[in-house]
Protein backbone atom coordinates (compact mmCIF):
# COMPACT_ATOMS: atom_id res chain seq x y z
CA MET A 1 105.25 133.32 109.79
CA HIS A 2 106.65 135.52 112.75
CA ARG A 3 109.89 136.43 113.07
CA PHE A 4 111.90 138.51 115.64
CA THR A 5 114.63 140.52 115.91
CA LEU A 6 117.21 141.31 118.46
CA PRO A 7 116.42 144.11 121.04
CA ALA A 8 119.41 146.59 121.28
CA LEU A 9 120.89 145.95 124.80
CA PHE A 10 123.86 148.43 126.06
CA LEU A 11 126.29 146.48 128.39
CA SER A 12 128.84 147.98 130.87
CA ALA A 13 131.32 146.93 133.03
CA THR A 14 131.53 144.37 135.54
CA PRO A 15 128.62 144.27 138.06
CA LEU A 16 129.01 144.99 141.88
CA ALA A 17 128.62 141.89 143.91
CA ALA A 18 124.95 141.59 145.89
CA ASP A 19 122.73 138.79 147.27
CA PRO A 20 120.46 138.08 144.23
CA PRO A 21 116.55 137.97 144.99
CA ARG A 22 114.83 134.72 145.61
CA VAL A 23 112.99 133.62 142.75
CA VAL A 24 110.29 131.00 141.95
CA THR A 25 108.97 130.05 138.66
CA ASP A 26 105.56 128.09 137.66
CA ILE A 27 106.76 125.76 134.90
CA ALA A 28 109.72 124.33 133.41
CA PRO A 29 110.04 126.39 130.25
CA VAL A 30 109.79 129.49 132.57
CA HIS A 31 112.24 128.09 134.98
CA SER A 32 114.86 127.61 131.98
CA LEU A 33 114.18 131.45 130.73
CA VAL A 34 114.71 132.56 134.41
CA ALA A 35 117.72 130.50 135.23
CA THR A 36 119.47 131.38 131.73
CA VAL A 37 119.15 135.43 132.56
CA MET A 38 120.32 134.59 136.42
CA GLY A 39 123.24 132.51 135.44
CA ASP A 40 125.96 131.79 137.89
CA LEU A 41 124.41 134.33 140.24
CA ALA A 42 121.64 132.04 141.86
CA GLN A 43 119.18 129.37 140.72
CA PRO A 44 115.26 129.89 140.74
CA GLU A 45 113.16 127.38 142.28
CA LEU A 46 110.65 125.65 140.10
CA LEU A 47 106.92 124.68 141.63
CA LEU A 48 105.66 122.08 138.98
CA PRO A 49 107.39 118.72 139.17
CA GLN A 50 108.46 117.42 135.67
CA GLY A 51 105.59 115.43 134.24
CA ALA A 52 102.94 117.09 136.79
CA ASP A 53 99.68 118.76 134.70
CA PRO A 54 100.22 122.67 135.16
CA HIS A 55 96.40 122.87 135.15
CA ALA A 56 95.89 120.93 138.09
CA PHE A 57 98.28 120.68 140.69
CA GLN A 58 98.55 120.80 144.54
CA MET A 59 101.62 122.56 146.07
CA ARG A 60 103.50 121.12 149.05
CA PRO A 61 103.68 122.77 152.57
CA SER A 62 107.58 123.39 151.67
CA GLN A 63 106.30 125.21 148.30
CA MET A 64 104.00 127.34 149.75
CA ARG A 65 106.86 128.90 151.89
CA ALA A 66 108.74 129.08 149.30
CA LEU A 67 106.47 131.30 147.45
CA SER A 68 105.69 133.12 150.34
CA GLN A 69 109.18 133.80 150.64
CA ALA A 70 109.99 134.62 146.92
CA ASP A 71 111.53 138.20 146.18
CA LEU A 72 110.01 137.55 142.80
CA VAL A 73 107.58 134.71 140.87
CA PHE A 74 107.65 134.30 137.24
CA TRP A 75 104.63 132.54 135.93
CA VAL A 76 102.45 132.00 132.52
CA GLY A 77 99.29 133.25 134.26
CA ALA A 78 96.28 132.07 135.43
CA GLU A 79 95.11 130.84 132.09
CA LEU A 80 97.45 128.00 132.65
CA THR A 81 97.76 127.67 136.25
CA PRO A 82 94.59 128.86 138.47
CA TRP A 83 95.92 127.03 141.49
CA LEU A 84 98.91 129.08 141.46
CA GLU A 85 96.83 132.32 141.22
CA ARG A 86 94.65 131.50 144.08
CA ALA A 87 98.57 130.78 146.25
CA LEU A 88 100.03 134.28 144.89
CA PRO A 89 100.54 137.21 147.65
CA GLY A 90 97.41 139.32 146.94
CA ASP A 91 99.10 142.59 148.53
CA GLY A 92 99.50 144.58 145.05
CA THR A 93 103.09 144.63 145.10
CA SER A 94 105.16 144.13 141.53
CA ARG A 95 106.75 141.11 143.14
CA THR A 96 104.86 138.74 140.49
CA VAL A 97 105.34 139.01 136.88
CA ALA A 98 102.45 136.92 134.58
CA LEU A 99 104.19 136.74 131.51
CA LEU A 100 100.79 136.13 129.34
CA ASP A 101 99.51 140.01 131.16
CA LEU A 102 102.75 141.59 129.46
CA PRO A 103 101.96 143.89 126.66
CA SER A 104 104.91 142.88 124.48
CA THR A 105 103.60 139.10 124.48
CA HIS A 106 102.17 137.66 121.52
CA LEU A 107 98.85 136.10 122.36
CA ARG A 108 96.33 133.77 120.33
CA GLU A 109 92.87 133.93 121.04
CA ALA A 110 92.00 130.63 123.06
CA SER A 111 90.05 128.15 121.57
CA HIS A 112 87.03 126.53 123.22
CA SER A 113 89.26 124.10 124.74
CA HIS A 114 90.12 126.82 127.11
CA ASP A 115 86.87 128.09 128.09
CA ALA A 116 87.16 126.22 131.61
CA HIS A 117 89.66 129.03 132.43
CA ASP A 118 87.76 131.85 130.75
CA ASP A 119 85.19 133.83 132.79
CA HIS A 120 84.05 136.15 129.62
CA SER A 121 81.78 134.05 128.21
CA ASP A 122 79.86 137.28 126.02
CA HIS A 123 83.03 137.94 124.06
CA ASP A 124 82.88 138.34 119.93
CA ASP A 125 84.46 135.96 117.51
CA HIS A 126 86.91 138.52 116.25
CA GLU A 127 90.33 136.78 115.71
CA LYS A 128 92.69 137.59 118.77
CA ASP A 129 96.58 138.42 117.72
CA ASP A 130 98.32 141.01 120.33
CA SER A 131 95.45 142.77 121.95
CA HIS A 132 95.31 142.34 125.64
CA ASP A 133 91.54 143.03 126.61
CA GLY A 134 90.63 140.53 129.26
CA HIS A 135 89.44 137.91 126.57
CA ALA A 136 90.95 134.38 127.31
CA HIS A 137 93.87 133.24 125.75
CA ASP A 138 96.01 130.29 124.64
CA PRO A 139 98.31 129.77 127.63
CA HIS A 140 100.95 127.70 125.58
CA ALA A 141 102.71 131.02 124.58
CA TRP A 142 106.35 129.57 125.50
CA LEU A 143 106.11 127.22 122.46
CA SER A 144 106.82 130.47 120.30
CA PRO A 145 110.12 131.82 120.32
CA GLU A 146 108.78 135.15 119.55
CA ASN A 147 107.48 134.99 123.19
CA GLY A 148 110.30 132.99 124.29
CA ALA A 149 112.72 136.49 123.18
CA VAL A 150 110.54 138.86 124.77
CA TRP A 151 110.21 137.05 127.91
CA LEU A 152 114.25 136.92 128.18
CA THR A 153 114.40 140.80 127.85
CA GLU A 154 111.21 141.45 130.55
CA ILE A 155 112.95 138.74 133.01
CA ALA A 156 116.45 140.30 132.90
CA GLU A 157 114.55 143.72 133.31
CA ALA A 158 112.36 142.66 136.47
CA LEU A 159 115.49 140.89 137.46
CA ALA A 160 117.57 144.20 137.29
CA HIS A 161 114.69 146.32 139.36
CA HIS A 162 114.80 144.34 141.96
CA ASP A 163 118.32 144.10 141.91
CA PRO A 164 120.36 146.97 140.68
CA GLU A 165 123.86 146.26 141.67
CA ASN A 166 123.51 142.67 139.54
CA ALA A 167 121.71 144.50 136.41
CA GLU A 168 124.26 144.46 133.74
CA GLN A 169 124.82 140.75 134.43
CA TYR A 170 121.35 140.12 134.15
CA ARG A 171 121.23 142.28 130.55
CA ALA A 172 124.20 140.53 129.66
CA ASN A 173 122.67 137.21 130.13
CA ALA A 174 119.80 137.83 128.55
CA ALA A 175 121.70 139.72 125.15
CA ASP A 176 123.49 136.27 125.16
CA ALA A 177 120.46 133.88 125.19
CA LEU A 178 118.76 136.08 122.59
CA ALA A 179 121.34 135.65 120.42
CA ARG A 180 121.50 131.57 120.90
CA LEU A 181 117.76 131.47 120.45
CA GLN A 182 117.52 133.68 116.95
CA GLN A 183 120.16 131.44 115.87
CA ILE A 184 117.94 128.26 116.55
CA ASP A 185 114.78 129.53 115.50
CA THR A 186 116.74 130.07 112.04
CA GLU A 187 117.75 126.66 112.22
CA ILE A 188 114.21 125.13 113.02
CA ALA A 189 113.19 127.34 110.36
CA THR A 190 114.89 125.59 107.93
CA LEU A 191 114.26 122.27 109.16
CA LEU A 192 110.84 122.74 108.94
CA ASP A 193 110.44 124.44 105.57
CA PRO A 194 110.09 121.12 103.75
CA VAL A 195 107.23 119.45 105.78
CA ARG A 196 105.22 123.02 105.91
CA ASN A 197 102.32 121.65 103.81
CA GLN A 198 102.16 118.20 105.36
CA GLY A 199 99.17 117.98 107.30
CA PHE A 200 99.04 116.31 111.04
CA VAL A 201 96.78 116.06 114.04
CA VAL A 202 97.87 116.75 117.60
CA PHE A 203 96.60 115.40 120.84
CA HIS A 204 96.29 118.22 123.15
CA ASP A 205 95.21 121.44 122.06
CA ALA A 206 98.54 123.00 123.10
CA TYR A 207 100.81 124.00 119.66
CA GLY A 208 99.16 126.91 118.06
CA TYR A 209 102.05 129.49 118.88
CA PHE A 210 104.52 126.81 117.29
CA THR A 211 102.51 125.89 114.32
CA ASP A 212 102.00 130.07 113.72
CA HIS A 213 105.22 130.73 113.79
CA TYR A 214 106.58 128.45 111.50
CA GLY A 215 103.75 127.97 109.05
CA LEU A 216 102.91 124.62 109.83
CA SER A 217 99.93 122.41 108.99
CA SER A 218 97.93 121.66 112.31
CA LEU A 219 94.83 120.15 111.29
CA GLY A 220 93.20 119.48 114.55
CA ALA A 221 93.51 118.03 117.78
CA VAL A 222 92.31 115.18 119.59
CA ARG A 223 91.55 116.59 123.41
CA GLU A 224 90.40 120.13 122.91
CA SER A 225 89.61 120.39 126.64
CA ASP A 226 92.33 120.59 129.13
CA SER A 227 90.28 119.34 131.75
CA ALA A 228 88.29 116.59 129.71
CA PRO A 229 88.81 113.70 127.69
CA PRO A 230 87.48 113.86 124.06
CA SER A 231 83.56 113.21 123.25
CA ALA A 232 82.92 110.48 121.23
CA ALA A 233 81.58 113.31 118.51
CA ARG A 234 84.85 114.88 118.74
CA LEU A 235 86.78 111.20 117.64
CA ALA A 236 84.01 110.93 115.47
CA GLU A 237 85.49 113.86 113.78
CA ILE A 238 88.89 113.19 114.02
CA GLU A 239 88.54 109.56 112.56
CA GLU A 240 87.08 111.27 109.71
CA LEU A 241 89.36 113.45 109.12
CA LEU A 242 92.18 110.92 109.27
CA ASN A 243 90.10 108.89 106.36
CA ASN A 244 90.27 111.98 103.92
CA GLY A 245 93.77 111.37 103.30
CA ARG A 246 95.22 114.61 104.52
CA VAL A 247 97.09 113.52 107.58
CA ALA A 248 100.42 112.50 106.92
CA CYS A 249 101.11 112.30 111.03
CA VAL A 250 99.57 112.36 114.56
CA PHE A 251 101.31 113.30 117.28
CA ALA A 252 100.68 112.17 121.15
CA GLU A 253 102.53 113.95 124.05
CA ALA A 254 105.08 112.48 126.13
CA ALA A 255 102.98 112.36 129.30
CA GLU A 256 99.21 111.09 128.17
CA GLY A 257 97.91 110.40 124.64
CA GLN A 258 100.11 107.75 123.39
CA ASP A 259 97.76 104.35 123.38
CA MET A 260 94.63 106.25 122.24
CA MET A 261 96.98 108.04 119.11
CA ARG A 262 98.27 104.55 118.05
CA ASP A 263 95.11 103.26 118.21
CA LEU A 264 93.76 105.79 116.21
CA VAL A 265 96.12 105.02 113.22
CA ASP A 266 96.47 101.31 113.99
CA GLY A 267 96.23 99.65 110.24
CA THR A 268 96.76 102.94 108.27
CA ASP A 269 99.96 104.55 106.65
CA ILE A 270 99.62 107.11 108.59
CA GLY A 271 102.66 107.87 110.82
CA PHE A 272 103.05 108.38 114.70
CA GLY A 273 105.24 110.61 116.76
CA VAL A 274 105.42 112.31 120.50
CA LEU A 275 105.77 115.76 121.50
CA ASP A 276 106.40 117.36 124.69
CA PRO A 277 105.30 120.35 124.92
CA ASN A 278 106.28 121.09 128.62
CA GLY A 279 109.65 119.61 128.30
CA SER A 280 108.57 116.98 130.48
CA ASN A 281 111.25 114.57 129.45
CA LEU A 282 114.09 116.83 129.68
CA PRO A 283 116.37 117.84 132.52
CA PRO A 284 115.45 121.17 134.39
CA GLY A 285 117.95 124.27 133.55
CA PRO A 286 118.94 126.73 130.99
CA ASN A 287 118.97 124.27 128.39
CA LEU A 288 115.59 123.17 128.82
CA TYR A 289 113.81 125.84 126.46
CA THR A 290 115.74 125.73 123.72
CA ASP A 291 116.06 121.79 123.94
CA LEU A 292 112.45 121.82 124.22
CA LEU A 293 111.92 123.74 121.12
CA GLN A 294 114.44 121.48 119.22
CA GLY A 295 112.70 118.34 120.20
CA GLN A 296 109.49 119.41 118.96
CA ALA A 297 110.94 120.25 115.51
CA GLY A 298 113.01 117.05 115.19
CA ALA A 299 109.80 115.15 116.13
CA ILE A 300 107.86 116.78 113.64
CA ALA A 301 110.17 117.26 110.67
CA GLU A 302 110.85 113.35 111.30
CA CYS A 303 107.41 111.97 110.95
CA LEU A 304 105.94 114.00 108.41
CA GLY A 305 109.71 113.80 106.26
CA ASP A 306 108.99 110.09 106.40
CA SER A 307 105.51 110.27 105.69
CA ALA A 308 106.70 112.69 102.18
CA SER A 309 109.36 110.02 101.31
């Protein structure tokens, strides 16, 4: 189980007033972290509407204009939103921050589900953890609070670089958010500890960072590809897994998969729950990130706890 500790952030007096940079973000969890760091100084713009598919999205002209006029763009990376990579300015400036590319981001090797976003077909099979060597990675990295902590600090530093007059406010906001995130991380670990050995199946292969961080027993995903429905062979594998007695619950998602997952467990004693990895049912804003993590943990603990009783 990965844990994180708070970095030492040395804060000083009240900052000078200045116009903060215009900031654009890709998805709601990143928007939440950036909004937390910016605080009352300004609000970042969220490109991806709640409930939209991050892997395939078409921006409106107004969103393209916002992107072109942004002083800073924070996004997960091309592995998650290839459409955004094509739209970003190619002027070689430091206006864009791809969070997956930060050396301090903890990375997982992408499963075969993300091969559609991988141009490196000749990679070897060694385990990927924190190295950044050009291989494809699982893009759902915000589901690790370890990465949430890293990104809060990196976001604060990027904003401080572009807006030095408000640097101390960004760092102070990040420090407050880090303390809160550490507290929530501890609470979630305590909540999930009793169900760590309970096996479950998810609809979408998106939860590896969360399950790794908390030591949970995820047994597989129905839809291994981000861009295609599960094959008949994959469904047969999942049905066999459900029949072997190791699966306590299956989890659909707020945006998709509920009918399929209910059908899979219909007539069985296997529990059913719903996860929301992108926070699609949550209001965007500073609280979304921690609410998302707590929502995932609560749904998992409830379903697996009910199955164990």
